Amino acid sequence: KAADVVVTHELKEVSITCLPKDLP
């Protein structure tokens, strides 16, 4: 909401490990 704040997304994806049934 603040006009003087710059929000930056440093990462757009993440490497994860899981069983296939749990893959989001």
PDB file of all heavy atoms in Angstrom:
ATOM      1  N   LYS A   1       0.821  -1.220   0.000  1.00  0.00           N
ATOM      2  CA  LYS A   1       0.000   0.000   0.000  1.00  0.00           C
ATOM      3  C   LYS A   1       0.852   1.265   0.000  1.00  0.00           C
ATOM      4  O   LYS A   1       0.357   2.339  -0.342  1.00  0.00           O
ATOM      5  CB  LYS A   1      -0.910   0.007   1.230  1.00  0.00           C
ATOM      6  CG  LYS A   1      -2.013  -1.041   1.198  1.00  0.00           C
ATOM      7  CD  LYS A   1      -2.834  -0.972   2.469  1.00  0.00           C
ATOM      8  CE  LYS A   1      -3.958  -1.996   2.465  1.00  0.00           C
ATOM      9  NZ  LYS A   1      -4.736  -1.953   3.734  1.00  0.00           N
ATOM     10  N   ALA A   2       2.114   1.151   0.402  1.00  0.00           N
ATOM     11  CA  ALA A   2       2.974   2.328   0.509  1.00  0.00           C
ATOM     12  C   ALA A   2       3.555   2.703  -0.852  1.00  0.00           C
ATOM     13  O   ALA A   2       4.153   1.875  -1.535  1.00  0.00           O
ATOM     14  CB  ALA A   2       4.098   2.051   1.509  1.00  0.00           C
ATOM     15  N   ALA A   3       3.391   3.956  -1.209  1.00  0.00           N
ATOM     16  CA  ALA A   3       3.849   4.407  -2.530  1.00  0.00           C
ATOM     17  C   ALA A   3       5.370   4.459  -2.624  1.00  0.00           C
ATOM     18  O   ALA A   3       5.926   4.399  -3.725  1.00  0.00           O
ATOM     19  CB  ALA A   3       3.261   5.781  -2.836  1.00  0.00           C
ATOM     20  N   ASP A   4       6.050   4.588  -1.462  1.00  0.00           N
ATOM     21  CA  ASP A   4       7.504   4.748  -1.497  1.00  0.00           C
ATOM     22  C   ASP A   4       8.255   3.458  -1.197  1.00  0.00           C
ATOM     23  O   ASP A   4       9.454   3.480  -0.926  1.00  0.00           O
ATOM     24  CB  ASP A   4       7.946   5.825  -0.507  1.00  0.00           C
ATOM     25  CG  ASP A   4       7.501   5.519   0.916  1.00  0.00           C
ATOM     26  OD1 ASP A   4       6.664   4.607   1.086  1.00  0.00           O
ATOM     27  OD2 ASP A   4       7.987   6.189   1.840  1.00  0.00           O
ATOM     28  N   VAL A   5       7.558   2.332  -1.241  1.00  0.00           N
ATOM     29  CA  VAL A   5       8.193   1.032  -0.973  1.00  0.00           C
ATOM     30  C   VAL A   5       8.241   0.214  -2.265  1.00  0.00           C
ATOM     31  O   VAL A   5       7.239   0.085  -2.970  1.00  0.00           O
ATOM     32  CB  VAL A   5       7.437   0.243   0.122  1.00  0.00           C
ATOM     33  CG1 VAL A   5       8.065  -1.136   0.297  1.00  0.00           C
ATOM     34  CG2 VAL A   5       7.474   1.009   1.431  1.00  0.00           C
ATOM     35  N   VAL A   6       9.413  -0.326  -2.551  1.00  0.00           N
ATOM     36  CA  VAL A   6       9.590  -1.168  -3.736  1.00  0.00           C
ATOM     37  C   VAL A   6       9.681  -2.627  -3.280  1.00  0.00           C
ATOM     38  O   VAL A   6      10.589  -2.996  -2.536  1.00  0.00           O
ATOM     39  CB  VAL A   6      10.871  -0.786  -4.507  1.00  0.00           C
ATOM     40  CG1 VAL A   6      11.064  -1.721  -5.701  1.00  0.00           C
ATOM     41  CG2 VAL A   6      10.815   0.663  -4.951  1.00  0.00           C
ATOM     42  N   VAL A   7       8.727  -3.443  -3.718  1.00  0.00           N
ATOM     43  CA  VAL A   7       8.717  -4.873  -3.391  1.00  0.00           C
ATOM     44  C   VAL A   7       9.311  -5.640  -4.564  1.00  0.00           C
ATOM     45  O   VAL A   7       8.842  -5.522  -5.703  1.00  0.00           O
ATOM     46  CB  VAL A   7       7.288  -5.375  -3.094  1.00  0.00           C
ATOM     47  CG1 VAL A   7       7.302  -6.877  -2.809  1.00  0.00           C
ATOM     48  CG2 VAL A   7       6.691  -4.612  -1.918  1.00  0.00           C
ATOM     49  N   THR A   8      10.335  -6.429  -4.280  1.00  0.00           N
ATOM     50  CA  THR A   8      11.022  -7.180  -5.329  1.00  0.00           C
ATOM     51  C   THR A   8      10.909  -8.674  -5.064  1.00  0.00           C
ATOM     52  O   THR A   8      11.178  -9.130  -3.948  1.00  0.00           O
ATOM     53  CB  THR A   8      12.515  -6.793  -5.393  1.00  0.00           C
ATOM     54  OG1 THR A   8      12.636  -5.388  -5.584  1.00  0.00           O
ATOM     55  CG2 THR A   8      13.209  -7.528  -6.541  1.00  0.00           C
ATOM     56  N   HIS A   9      10.507  -9.426  -6.086  1.00  0.00           N
ATOM     57  CA  HIS A   9      10.486 -10.890  -6.007  1.00  0.00           C
ATOM     58  C   HIS A   9      11.839 -11.395  -6.501  1.00  0.00           C
ATOM     59  O   HIS A   9      12.108 -11.384  -7.701  1.00  0.00           O
ATOM     60  CB  HIS A   9       9.354 -11.465  -6.865  1.00  0.00           C
ATOM     61  CG  HIS A   9       8.000 -10.968  -6.479  1.00  0.00           C
ATOM     62  ND1 HIS A   9       6.892 -11.106  -7.288  1.00  0.00           N
ATOM     63  CD2 HIS A   9       7.569 -10.316  -5.370  1.00  0.00           C
ATOM     64  CE1 HIS A   9       5.851 -10.570  -6.703  1.00  0.00           C
ATOM     65  NE2 HIS A   9       6.229 -10.078  -5.534  1.00  0.00           N
ATOM     66  N   GLU A  10      12.676 -11.812  -5.580  1.00  0.00           N
ATOM     67  CA  GLU A  10      14.032 -12.244  -5.930  1.00  0.00           C
ATOM     68  C   GLU A  10      14.039 -13.607  -6.624  1.00  0.00           C
ATOM     69  O   GLU A  10      14.901 -13.892  -7.455  1.00  0.00           O
ATOM     70  CB  GLU A  10      14.905 -12.302  -4.673  1.00  0.00           C
ATOM     71  CG  GLU A  10      14.968 -10.995  -3.875  1.00  0.00           C
ATOM     72  CD  GLU A  10      15.742  -9.916  -4.600  1.00  0.00           C
ATOM     73  OE1 GLU A  10      16.409 -10.224  -5.602  1.00  0.00           O
ATOM     74  OE2 GLU A  10      15.683  -8.749  -4.145  1.00  0.00           O
ATOM     75  N   LEU A  11      13.101 -14.459  -6.270  1.00  0.00           N
ATOM     76  CA  LEU A  11      12.983 -15.788  -6.876  1.00  0.00           C
ATOM     77  C   LEU A  11      11.553 -15.996  -7.342  1.00  0.00           C
ATOM     78  O   LEU A  11      10.609 -15.561  -6.677  1.00  0.00           O
ATOM     79  CB  LEU A  11      13.354 -16.898  -5.871  1.00  0.00           C
ATOM     80  CG  LEU A  11      14.795 -16.940  -5.346  1.00  0.00           C
ATOM     81  CD1 LEU A  11      14.933 -18.057  -4.313  1.00  0.00           C
ATOM     82  CD2 LEU A  11      15.771 -17.166  -6.488  1.00  0.00           C
ATOM     83  N   LYS A  12      11.396 -16.665  -8.466  1.00  0.00           N
ATOM     84  CA  LYS A  12      10.064 -16.969  -8.980  1.00  0.00           C
ATOM     85  C   LYS A  12       9.733 -18.456  -8.874  1.00  0.00           C
ATOM     86  O   LYS A  12       8.595 -18.869  -9.088  1.00  0.00           O
ATOM     87  CB  LYS A  12       9.945 -16.512 -10.440  1.00  0.00           C
ATOM     88  CG  LYS A  12       9.957 -14.996 -10.588  1.00  0.00           C
ATOM     89  CD  LYS A  12       9.753 -14.599 -12.031  1.00  0.00           C
ATOM     90  CE  LYS A  12       9.533 -13.106 -12.167  1.00  0.00           C
ATOM     91  NZ  LYS A  12      10.622 -12.297 -11.641  1.00  0.00           N
ATOM     92  N   GLU A  13      10.743 -19.281  -8.546  1.00  0.00           N
ATOM     93  CA  GLU A  13      10.517 -20.707  -8.359  1.00  0.00           C
ATOM     94  C   GLU A  13      11.517 -21.233  -7.347  1.00  0.00           C
ATOM     95  O   GLU A  13      12.505 -20.576  -7.020  1.00  0.00           O
ATOM     96  CB  GLU A  13      10.641 -21.473  -9.680  1.00  0.00           C
ATOM     97  CG  GLU A  13      12.009 -21.410 -10.323  1.00  0.00           C
ATOM     98  CD  GLU A  13      12.080 -22.194 -11.624  1.00  0.00           C
ATOM     99  OE1 GLU A  13      11.016 -22.497 -12.203  1.00  0.00           O
ATOM    100  OE2 GLU A  13      13.202 -22.519 -12.049  1.00  0.00           O
ATOM    101  N   VAL A  14      11.230 -22.432  -6.828  1.00  0.00           N
ATOM    102  CA  VAL A  14      12.096 -23.026  -5.818  1.00  0.00           C
ATOM    103  C   VAL A  14      12.256 -24.513  -6.104  1.00  0.00           C
ATOM    104  O   VAL A  14      11.323 -25.168  -6.582  1.00  0.00           O
ATOM    105  CB  VAL A  14      11.505 -22.802  -4.401  1.00  0.00           C
ATOM    106  CG1 VAL A  14      10.141 -23.467  -4.261  1.00  0.00           C
ATOM    107  CG2 VAL A  14      12.455 -23.307  -3.326  1.00  0.00           C
ATOM    108  N   SER A  15      13.452 -25.032  -5.837  1.00  0.00           N
ATOM    109  CA  SER A  15      13.720 -26.451  -6.031  1.00  0.00           C
ATOM    110  C   SER A  15      13.313 -27.209  -4.767  1.00  0.00           C
ATOM    111  O   SER A  15      13.759 -26.870  -3.666  1.00  0.00           O
ATOM    112  CB  SER A  15      15.205 -26.674  -6.323  1.00  0.00           C
ATOM    113  OG  SER A  15      15.484 -28.058  -6.468  1.00  0.00           O
ATOM    114  N   ILE A  16      12.464 -28.220  -4.935  1.00  0.00           N
ATOM    115  CA  ILE A  16      11.971 -28.986  -3.787  1.00  0.00           C
ATOM    116  C   ILE A  16      12.194 -30.477  -4.009  1.00  0.00           C
ATOM    117  O   ILE A  16      12.475 -30.919  -5.132  1.00  0.00           O
ATOM    118  CB  ILE A  16      10.464 -28.745  -3.549  1.00  0.00           C
ATOM    119  CG1 ILE A  16       9.645 -29.273  -4.759  1.00  0.00           C
ATOM    120  CG2 ILE A  16      10.179 -27.278  -3.302  1.00  0.00           C
ATOM    121  CD1 ILE A  16       8.168 -29.353  -4.508  1.00  0.00           C
ATOM    122  N   THR A  17      12.076 -31.252  -2.919  1.00  0.00           N
ATOM    123  CA  THR A  17      12.065 -32.710  -3.006  1.00  0.00           C
ATOM    124  C   THR A  17      10.821 -33.221  -2.291  1.00  0.00           C
ATOM    125  O   THR A  17      10.407 -32.661  -1.269  1.00  0.00           O
ATOM    126  CB  THR A  17      13.319 -33.341  -2.365  1.00  0.00           C
ATOM    127  OG1 THR A  17      13.384 -32.943  -0.984  1.00  0.00           O
ATOM    128  CG2 THR A  17      14.582 -32.900  -3.080  1.00  0.00           C
ATOM    129  N   CYS A  18      10.239 -34.280  -2.829  1.00  0.00           N
ATOM    130  CA  CYS A  18       9.055 -34.883  -2.219  1.00  0.00           C
ATOM    131  C   CYS A  18       8.722 -36.162  -2.975  1.00  0.00           C
ATOM    132  O   CYS A  18       9.297 -36.434  -4.033  1.00  0.00           O
ATOM    133  CB  CYS A  18       7.860 -33.934  -2.257  1.00  0.00           C
ATOM    134  SG  CYS A  18       7.315 -33.510  -3.940  1.00  0.00           S
ATOM    135  N   LEU A  19       7.803 -36.938  -2.437  1.00  0.00           N
ATOM    136  CA  LEU A  19       7.270 -38.073  -3.172  1.00  0.00           C
ATOM    137  C   LEU A  19       6.341 -37.543  -4.266  1.00  0.00           C
ATOM    138  O   LEU A  19       5.740 -36.468  -4.103  1.00  0.00           O
ATOM    139  CB  LEU A  19       6.501 -39.006  -2.242  1.00  0.00           C
ATOM    140  CG  LEU A  19       7.334 -39.825  -1.253  1.00  0.00           C
ATOM    141  CD1 LEU A  19       6.418 -40.582  -0.296  1.00  0.00           C
ATOM    142  CD2 LEU A  19       8.249 -40.805  -1.995  1.00  0.00           C
ATOM    143  N   PRO A  20       6.218 -38.265  -5.371  1.00  0.00           N
ATOM    144  CA  PRO A  20       5.360 -37.790  -6.458  1.00  0.00           C
ATOM    145  C   PRO A  20       3.947 -37.407  -6.018  1.00  0.00           C
ATOM    146  O   PRO A  20       3.388 -36.426  -6.516  1.00  0.00           O
ATOM    147  CB  PRO A  20       5.336 -38.990  -7.416  1.00  0.00           C
ATOM    148  CG  PRO A  20       6.671 -39.637  -7.204  1.00  0.00           C
ATOM    149  CD  PRO A  20       6.942 -39.501  -5.735  1.00  0.00           C
ATOM    150  N   LYS A  21       3.375 -38.156  -5.074  1.00  0.00           N
ATOM    151  CA  LYS A  21       2.002 -37.877  -4.645  1.00  0.00           C
ATOM    152  C   LYS A  21       1.877 -36.534  -3.915  1.00  0.00           C
ATOM    153  O   LYS A  21       0.792 -35.969  -3.804  1.00  0.00           O
ATOM    154  CB  LYS A  21       1.489 -38.999  -3.740  1.00  0.00           C
ATOM    155  CG  LYS A  21       2.191 -39.106  -2.402  1.00  0.00           C
ATOM    156  CD  LYS A  21       1.643 -40.241  -1.565  1.00  0.00           C
ATOM    157  CE  LYS A  21       2.328 -40.336  -0.204  1.00  0.00           C
ATOM    158  NZ  LYS A  21       2.091 -39.149   0.629  1.00  0.00           N
ATOM    159  N   ASP A  22       3.013 -36.025  -3.408  1.00  0.00           N
ATOM    160  CA  ASP A  22       2.988 -34.774  -2.656  1.00  0.00           C
ATOM    161  C   ASP A  22       3.428 -33.562  -3.480  1.00  0.00           C
ATOM    162  O   ASP A  22       3.491 -32.441  -2.957  1.00  0.00           O
ATOM    163  CB  ASP A  22       3.900 -34.883  -1.429  1.00  0.00           C
ATOM    164  CG  ASP A  22       3.424 -35.938  -0.442  1.00  0.00           C
ATOM    165  OD1 ASP A  22       2.194 -36.066  -0.270  1.00  0.00           O
ATOM    166  OD2 ASP A  22       4.274 -36.638   0.144  1.00  0.00           O
ATOM    167  N   LEU A  23       3.729 -33.769  -4.757  1.00  0.00           N
ATOM    168  CA  LEU A  23       4.255 -32.678  -5.579  1.00  0.00           C
ATOM    169  C   LEU A  23       3.189 -31.599  -5.811  1.00  0.00           C
ATOM    170  O   LEU A  23       2.159 -31.855  -6.418  1.00  0.00           O
ATOM    171  CB  LEU A  23       4.732 -33.224  -6.933  1.00  0.00           C
ATOM    172  CG  LEU A  23       5.318 -32.196  -7.904  1.00  0.00           C
ATOM    173  CD1 LEU A  23       6.598 -31.584  -7.341  1.00  0.00           C
ATOM    174  CD2 LEU A  23       5.599 -32.841  -9.261  1.00  0.00           C
ATOM    175  N   PRO A  24       3.430 -30.368  -5.335  1.00  0.00           N
ATOM    176  CA  PRO A  24       2.466 -29.283  -5.572  1.00  0.00           C
ATOM    177  C   PRO A  24       2.712 -28.633  -6.928  1.00  0.00           C
ATOM    178  O   PRO A  24       3.837 -28.618  -7.414  1.00  0.00           O
ATOM    179  CB  PRO A  24       2.777 -28.305  -4.437  1.00  0.00           C
ATOM    180  CG  PRO A  24       4.243 -28.491  -4.191  1.00  0.00           C
ATOM    181  CD  PRO A  24       4.554 -29.941  -4.488  1.00  0.00           C
TER     182      PRO A  24
END
